[in-house]
All heavy atoms as atom14 arrays in JSON, in Angstrom:
{
  "sequence": "SVRCSELGYWNHFVPILNYDDIKSYAASIQR",
  "atom14_mask": [
    [1, 1, 1, 1, 1, 1, 0, 0, 0, 0, 0, 0, 0, 0],
    [1, 1, 1, 1, 1, 1, 1, 0, 0, 0, 0, 0, 0, 0],
    [1, 1, 1, 1, 1, 1, 1, 1, 1, 1, 1, 0, 0, 0],
    [1, 1, 1, 1, 1, 1, 0, 0, 0, 0, 0, 0, 0, 0],
    [1, 1, 1, 1, 1, 1, 0, 0, 0, 0, 0, 0, 0, 0],
    [1, 1, 1, 1, 1, 1, 1, 1, 1, 0, 0, 0, 0, 0],
    [1, 1, 1, 1, 1, 1, 1, 1, 0, 0, 0, 0, 0, 0],
    [1, 1, 1, 1, 0, 0, 0, 0, 0, 0, 0, 0, 0, 0],
    [1, 1, 1, 1, 1, 1, 1, 1, 1, 1, 1, 1, 0, 0],
    [1, 1, 1, 1, 1, 1, 1, 1, 1, 1, 1, 1, 1, 1],
    [1, 1, 1, 1, 1, 1, 1, 1, 0, 0, 0, 0, 0, 0],
    [1, 1, 1, 1, 1, 1, 1, 1, 1, 1, 0, 0, 0, 0],
    [1, 1, 1, 1, 1, 1, 1, 1, 1, 1, 1, 0, 0, 0],
    [1, 1, 1, 1, 1, 1, 1, 0, 0, 0, 0, 0, 0, 0],
    [1, 1, 1, 1, 1, 1, 1, 0, 0, 0, 0, 0, 0, 0],
    [1, 1, 1, 1, 1, 1, 1, 1, 0, 0, 0, 0, 0, 0],
    [1, 1, 1, 1, 1, 1, 1, 1, 0, 0, 0, 0, 0, 0],
    [1, 1, 1, 1, 1, 1, 1, 1, 0, 0, 0, 0, 0, 0],
    [1, 1, 1, 1, 1, 1, 1, 1, 1, 1, 1, 1, 0, 0],
    [1, 1, 1, 1, 1, 1, 1, 1, 0, 0, 0, 0, 0, 0],
    [1, 1, 1, 1, 1, 1, 1, 1, 0, 0, 0, 0, 0, 0],
    [1, 1, 1, 1, 1, 1, 1, 1, 0, 0, 0, 0, 0, 0],
    [1, 1, 1, 1, 1, 1, 1, 1, 1, 0, 0, 0, 0, 0],
    [1, 1, 1, 1, 1, 1, 0, 0, 0, 0, 0, 0, 0, 0],
    [1, 1, 1, 1, 1, 1, 1, 1, 1, 1, 1, 1, 0, 0],
    [1, 1, 1, 1, 1, 0, 0, 0, 0, 0, 0, 0, 0, 0],
    [1, 1, 1, 1, 1, 0, 0, 0, 0, 0, 0, 0, 0, 0],
    [1, 1, 1, 1, 1, 1, 0, 0, 0, 0, 0, 0, 0, 0],
    [1, 1, 1, 1, 1, 1, 1, 1, 0, 0, 0, 0, 0, 0],
    [1, 1, 1, 1, 1, 1, 1, 1, 1, 0, 0, 0, 0, 0],
    [1, 1, 1, 1, 1, 1, 1, 1, 1, 1, 1, 0, 0, 0]
  ],
  "atom14_positions": [
    [[74.16, 107.07, 94.96], [75.45, 106.83, 94.31], [75.51, 105.37, 93.92], [75.7, 104.5, 94.78], [76.62, 107.17, 95.25], [77.84, 106.72, 94.7], [0.0, 0.0, 0.0], [0.0, 0.0, 0.0], [0.0, 0.0, 0.0], [0.0, 0.0, 0.0], [0.0, 0.0, 0.0], [0.0, 0.0, 0.0], [0.0, 0.0, 0.0], [0.0, 0.0, 0.0]],
    [[75.36, 105.09, 92.63], [75.38, 103.69, 92.19], [76.77, 103.1, 92.39], [76.92, 101.95, 92.83], [74.94, 103.59, 90.72], [74.98, 102.13, 90.26], [73.53, 104.16, 90.55], [0.0, 0.0, 0.0], [0.0, 0.0, 0.0], [0.0, 0.0, 0.0], [0.0, 0.0, 0.0], [0.0, 0.0, 0.0], [0.0, 0.0, 0.0], [0.0, 0.0, 0.0]],
    [[77.82, 103.86, 92.1], [79.18, 103.32, 92.19], [79.59, 103.0, 93.61], [80.45, 102.15, 93.83], [80.19, 104.28, 91.55], [80.33, 105.61, 92.23], [81.36, 106.5, 91.55], [82.71, 106.15, 91.9], [83.35, 106.62, 92.98], [82.73, 107.43, 93.82], [84.58, 106.26, 93.23], [0.0, 0.0, 0.0], [0.0, 0.0, 0.0], [0.0, 0.0, 0.0]],
    [[79.01, 103.68, 94.61], [79.35, 103.41, 96.0], [78.39, 102.42, 96.65], [78.6, 102.01, 97.79], [79.34, 104.71, 96.81], [80.7, 105.83, 96.4], [0.0, 0.0, 0.0], [0.0, 0.0, 0.0], [0.0, 0.0, 0.0], [0.0, 0.0, 0.0], [0.0, 0.0, 0.0], [0.0, 0.0, 0.0], [0.0, 0.0, 0.0], [0.0, 0.0, 0.0]],
    [[77.36, 102.02, 95.92], [76.39, 101.07, 96.46], [76.88, 99.65, 96.24], [77.97, 99.42, 95.71], [75.04, 101.26, 95.76], [75.08, 100.72, 94.44], [0.0, 0.0, 0.0], [0.0, 0.0, 0.0], [0.0, 0.0, 0.0], [0.0, 0.0, 0.0], [0.0, 0.0, 0.0], [0.0, 0.0, 0.0], [0.0, 0.0, 0.0], [0.0, 0.0, 0.0]],
    [[76.07, 98.68, 96.63], [76.44, 97.27, 96.43], [76.54, 96.92, 94.95], [77.09, 95.88, 94.6], [75.42, 96.35, 97.11], [73.99, 96.5, 96.63], [73.17, 97.41, 97.53], [73.74, 98.33, 98.14], [71.95, 97.19, 97.62], [0.0, 0.0, 0.0], [0.0, 0.0, 0.0], [0.0, 0.0, 0.0], [0.0, 0.0, 0.0], [0.0, 0.0, 0.0]],
    [[76.04, 97.79, 94.06], [76.14, 97.56, 92.62], [77.47, 98.04, 92.05], [77.75, 97.81, 90.88], [74.99, 98.27, 91.89], [73.57, 97.84, 92.27], [72.55, 98.73, 91.57], [73.35, 96.38, 91.92], [0.0, 0.0, 0.0], [0.0, 0.0, 0.0], [0.0, 0.0, 0.0], [0.0, 0.0, 0.0], [0.0, 0.0, 0.0], [0.0, 0.0, 0.0]],
    [[78.26, 98.72, 92.86], [79.45, 99.37, 92.34], [80.75, 98.68, 92.69], [80.86, 97.45, 92.68], [0.0, 0.0, 0.0], [0.0, 0.0, 0.0], [0.0, 0.0, 0.0], [0.0, 0.0, 0.0], [0.0, 0.0, 0.0], [0.0, 0.0, 0.0], [0.0, 0.0, 0.0], [0.0, 0.0, 0.0], [0.0, 0.0, 0.0], [0.0, 0.0, 0.0]],
    [[81.75, 99.51, 93.02], [83.13, 99.07, 93.19], [83.36, 98.42, 94.55], [83.7, 99.09, 95.52], [84.05, 100.29, 93.07], [84.8, 100.38, 91.77], [84.63, 101.48, 90.93], [85.69, 99.39, 91.38], [85.32, 101.58, 89.74], [86.38, 99.49, 90.19], [86.19, 100.58, 89.38], [86.88, 100.68, 88.21], [0.0, 0.0, 0.0], [0.0, 0.0, 0.0]],
    [[83.19, 97.11, 94.64], [83.48, 96.38, 95.87], [84.07, 95.03, 95.52], [83.76, 94.45, 94.46], [82.21, 96.18, 96.7], [81.61, 97.46, 97.2], [80.59, 98.17, 96.62], [82.01, 98.2, 98.36], [80.33, 99.3, 97.35], [81.18, 99.35, 98.43], [82.97, 98.01, 99.35], [81.29, 100.3, 99.44], [83.08, 98.94, 100.36], [82.26, 100.07, 100.41]],
    [[84.89, 94.49, 96.43], [85.36, 93.12, 96.27], [84.21, 92.16, 96.55], [83.15, 92.55, 97.03], [86.52, 92.84, 97.24], [87.74, 93.7, 96.95], [88.1, 94.56, 97.75], [88.39, 93.48, 95.82], [0.0, 0.0, 0.0], [0.0, 0.0, 0.0], [0.0, 0.0, 0.0], [0.0, 0.0, 0.0], [0.0, 0.0, 0.0], [0.0, 0.0, 0.0]],
    [[84.47, 90.88, 96.28], [83.46, 89.85, 96.52], [83.51, 89.34, 97.95], [82.92, 88.29, 98.26], [83.64, 88.7, 95.53], [83.59, 89.13, 94.1], [82.6, 89.95, 93.6], [84.41, 88.86, 93.05], [82.8, 90.16, 92.3], [83.9, 89.53, 91.95], [0.0, 0.0, 0.0], [0.0, 0.0, 0.0], [0.0, 0.0, 0.0], [0.0, 0.0, 0.0]],
    [[84.19, 90.04, 98.82], [84.3, 89.67, 100.23], [84.5, 90.95, 101.03], [84.81, 92.0, 100.46], [85.51, 88.73, 100.44], [86.83, 89.4, 100.17], [87.61, 89.89, 101.21], [87.3, 89.56, 98.86], [88.82, 90.52, 100.96], [88.51, 90.19, 98.61], [89.27, 90.67, 99.66], [0.0, 0.0, 0.0], [0.0, 0.0, 0.0], [0.0, 0.0, 0.0]],
    [[84.32, 90.87, 102.34], [84.57, 92.02, 103.22], [85.91, 91.78, 103.93], [86.03, 90.85, 104.72], [83.45, 92.21, 104.25], [83.8, 93.36, 105.19], [82.12, 92.47, 103.55], [0.0, 0.0, 0.0], [0.0, 0.0, 0.0], [0.0, 0.0, 0.0], [0.0, 0.0, 0.0], [0.0, 0.0, 0.0], [0.0, 0.0, 0.0], [0.0, 0.0, 0.0]],
    [[86.92, 92.59, 103.65], [88.22, 92.38, 104.29], [88.19, 92.75, 105.77], [87.49, 93.68, 106.17], [89.15, 93.32, 103.51], [88.25, 94.38, 102.98], [86.94, 93.72, 102.71], [0.0, 0.0, 0.0], [0.0, 0.0, 0.0], [0.0, 0.0, 0.0], [0.0, 0.0, 0.0], [0.0, 0.0, 0.0], [0.0, 0.0, 0.0], [0.0, 0.0, 0.0]],
    [[88.96, 92.03, 106.54], [89.17, 92.34, 107.95], [90.63, 92.73, 108.1], [91.54, 91.93, 107.83], [88.84, 91.14, 108.86], [87.41, 90.66, 108.62], [89.05, 91.52, 110.33], [86.35, 91.71, 108.88], [0.0, 0.0, 0.0], [0.0, 0.0, 0.0], [0.0, 0.0, 0.0], [0.0, 0.0, 0.0], [0.0, 0.0, 0.0], [0.0, 0.0, 0.0]],
    [[90.89, 93.96, 108.51], [92.25, 94.48, 108.59], [92.69, 94.67, 110.03], [91.87, 94.88, 110.93], [92.34, 95.81, 107.82], [91.89, 95.77, 106.36], [92.11, 97.13, 105.69], [92.61, 94.67, 105.58], [0.0, 0.0, 0.0], [0.0, 0.0, 0.0], [0.0, 0.0, 0.0], [0.0, 0.0, 0.0], [0.0, 0.0, 0.0], [0.0, 0.0, 0.0]],
    [[94.0, 94.61, 110.23], [94.6, 94.74, 111.56], [95.26, 96.1, 111.67], [96.22, 96.39, 110.94], [95.62, 93.61, 111.78], [96.15, 93.59, 113.2], [96.36, 94.62, 113.82], [96.4, 92.39, 113.71], [0.0, 0.0, 0.0], [0.0, 0.0, 0.0], [0.0, 0.0, 0.0], [0.0, 0.0, 0.0], [0.0, 0.0, 0.0], [0.0, 0.0, 0.0]],
    [[94.78, 96.94, 112.57], [95.28, 98.3, 112.71], [96.23, 98.48, 113.89], [96.55, 99.6, 114.27], [94.1, 99.26, 112.86], [93.2, 99.32, 111.65], [92.07, 98.49, 111.54], [93.46, 100.2, 110.61], [91.25, 98.55, 110.43], [92.63, 100.27, 109.49], [91.53, 99.43, 109.42], [90.71, 99.49, 108.31], [0.0, 0.0, 0.0], [0.0, 0.0, 0.0]],
    [[96.73, 97.37, 114.46], [97.57, 97.46, 115.66], [98.91, 98.13, 115.38], [99.4, 98.92, 116.19], [97.8, 96.07, 116.26], [96.54, 95.51, 116.9], [95.62, 96.31, 117.2], [96.46, 94.28, 117.1], [0.0, 0.0, 0.0], [0.0, 0.0, 0.0], [0.0, 0.0, 0.0], [0.0, 0.0, 0.0], [0.0, 0.0, 0.0], [0.0, 0.0, 0.0]],
    [[99.53, 97.78, 114.27], [100.8, 98.37, 113.87], [100.94, 98.21, 112.37], [100.17, 97.47, 111.73], [101.99, 97.73, 114.62], [102.05, 96.22, 114.42], [102.39, 95.78, 113.31], [101.75, 95.49, 115.39], [0.0, 0.0, 0.0], [0.0, 0.0, 0.0], [0.0, 0.0, 0.0], [0.0, 0.0, 0.0], [0.0, 0.0, 0.0], [0.0, 0.0, 0.0]],
    [[101.92, 98.88, 111.78], [102.01, 98.94, 110.33], [102.32, 97.57, 109.71], [101.81, 97.24, 108.64], [103.04, 100.01, 109.88], [102.8, 100.37, 108.41], [104.46, 99.55, 110.13], [101.46, 101.02, 108.14], [0.0, 0.0, 0.0], [0.0, 0.0, 0.0], [0.0, 0.0, 0.0], [0.0, 0.0, 0.0], [0.0, 0.0, 0.0], [0.0, 0.0, 0.0]],
    [[103.14, 96.76, 110.38], [103.44, 95.43, 109.84], [102.21, 94.55, 109.86], [101.94, 93.82, 108.9], [104.57, 94.79, 110.64], [105.95, 95.41, 110.4], [107.04, 94.65, 111.15], [108.4, 95.26, 110.87], [109.49, 94.54, 111.61], [0.0, 0.0, 0.0], [0.0, 0.0, 0.0], [0.0, 0.0, 0.0], [0.0, 0.0, 0.0], [0.0, 0.0, 0.0]],
    [[101.44, 94.62, 110.93], [100.22, 93.82, 111.02], [99.19, 94.28, 109.99], [98.48, 93.47, 109.4], [99.63, 93.91, 112.42], [100.53, 93.4, 113.39], [0.0, 0.0, 0.0], [0.0, 0.0, 0.0], [0.0, 0.0, 0.0], [0.0, 0.0, 0.0], [0.0, 0.0, 0.0], [0.0, 0.0, 0.0], [0.0, 0.0, 0.0], [0.0, 0.0, 0.0]],
    [[99.12, 95.59, 109.79], [98.19, 96.13, 108.8], [98.55, 95.63, 107.4], [97.69, 95.14, 106.66], [98.24, 97.66, 108.85], [97.43, 98.37, 107.78], [96.06, 98.52, 107.92], [98.05, 98.89, 106.65], [95.31, 99.17, 106.95], [97.31, 99.55, 105.69], [95.94, 99.68, 105.84], [95.21, 100.32, 104.87], [0.0, 0.0, 0.0], [0.0, 0.0, 0.0]],
    [[99.82, 95.74, 107.05], [100.26, 95.28, 105.73], [100.05, 93.78, 105.57], [99.61, 93.31, 104.51], [101.72, 95.65, 105.51], [0.0, 0.0, 0.0], [0.0, 0.0, 0.0], [0.0, 0.0, 0.0], [0.0, 0.0, 0.0], [0.0, 0.0, 0.0], [0.0, 0.0, 0.0], [0.0, 0.0, 0.0], [0.0, 0.0, 0.0], [0.0, 0.0, 0.0]],
    [[100.35, 93.03, 106.61], [100.19, 91.57, 106.55], [98.73, 91.18, 106.39], [98.41, 90.19, 105.7], [100.78, 90.93, 107.81], [0.0, 0.0, 0.0], [0.0, 0.0, 0.0], [0.0, 0.0, 0.0], [0.0, 0.0, 0.0], [0.0, 0.0, 0.0], [0.0, 0.0, 0.0], [0.0, 0.0, 0.0], [0.0, 0.0, 0.0], [0.0, 0.0, 0.0]],
    [[97.83, 91.94, 107.0], [96.4, 91.6, 106.89], [95.88, 91.83, 105.48], [94.9, 91.21, 105.06], [95.59, 92.4, 107.91], [95.61, 93.79, 107.64], [0.0, 0.0, 0.0], [0.0, 0.0, 0.0], [0.0, 0.0, 0.0], [0.0, 0.0, 0.0], [0.0, 0.0, 0.0], [0.0, 0.0, 0.0], [0.0, 0.0, 0.0], [0.0, 0.0, 0.0]],
    [[96.52, 92.73, 104.73], [96.17, 92.91, 103.32], [96.87, 91.86, 102.46], [96.25, 91.24, 101.58], [96.57, 94.33, 102.84], [95.77, 95.39, 103.61], [96.34, 94.47, 101.33], [96.18, 96.81, 103.29], [0.0, 0.0, 0.0], [0.0, 0.0, 0.0], [0.0, 0.0, 0.0], [0.0, 0.0, 0.0], [0.0, 0.0, 0.0], [0.0, 0.0, 0.0]],
    [[98.14, 91.62, 102.73], [98.91, 90.65, 101.95], [98.31, 89.25, 102.03], [98.4, 88.47, 101.09], [100.36, 90.63, 102.45], [101.29, 89.73, 101.65], [101.44, 90.15, 100.21], [101.51, 91.33, 99.92], [101.49, 89.18, 99.3], [0.0, 0.0, 0.0], [0.0, 0.0, 0.0], [0.0, 0.0, 0.0], [0.0, 0.0, 0.0], [0.0, 0.0, 0.0]],
    [[97.66, 88.96, 103.16], [97.04, 87.64, 103.33], [96.04, 87.34, 102.21], [95.96, 86.22, 101.71], [96.33, 87.58, 104.68], [95.52, 86.32, 104.93], [95.1, 86.24, 106.39], [94.2, 87.32, 106.75], [92.86, 87.21, 106.7], [92.3, 86.09, 106.28], [92.09, 88.21, 107.07], [0.0, 0.0, 0.0], [0.0, 0.0, 0.0], [0.0, 0.0, 0.0]]
  ]
}
């Protein structure tokens, strides 16, 4: 799958998300 590989749809960084609660999860994306 080219689109799912490193040649495809990815950001230029690897996000680190917080799954402790919904506010923390949203804040970790908003950051």
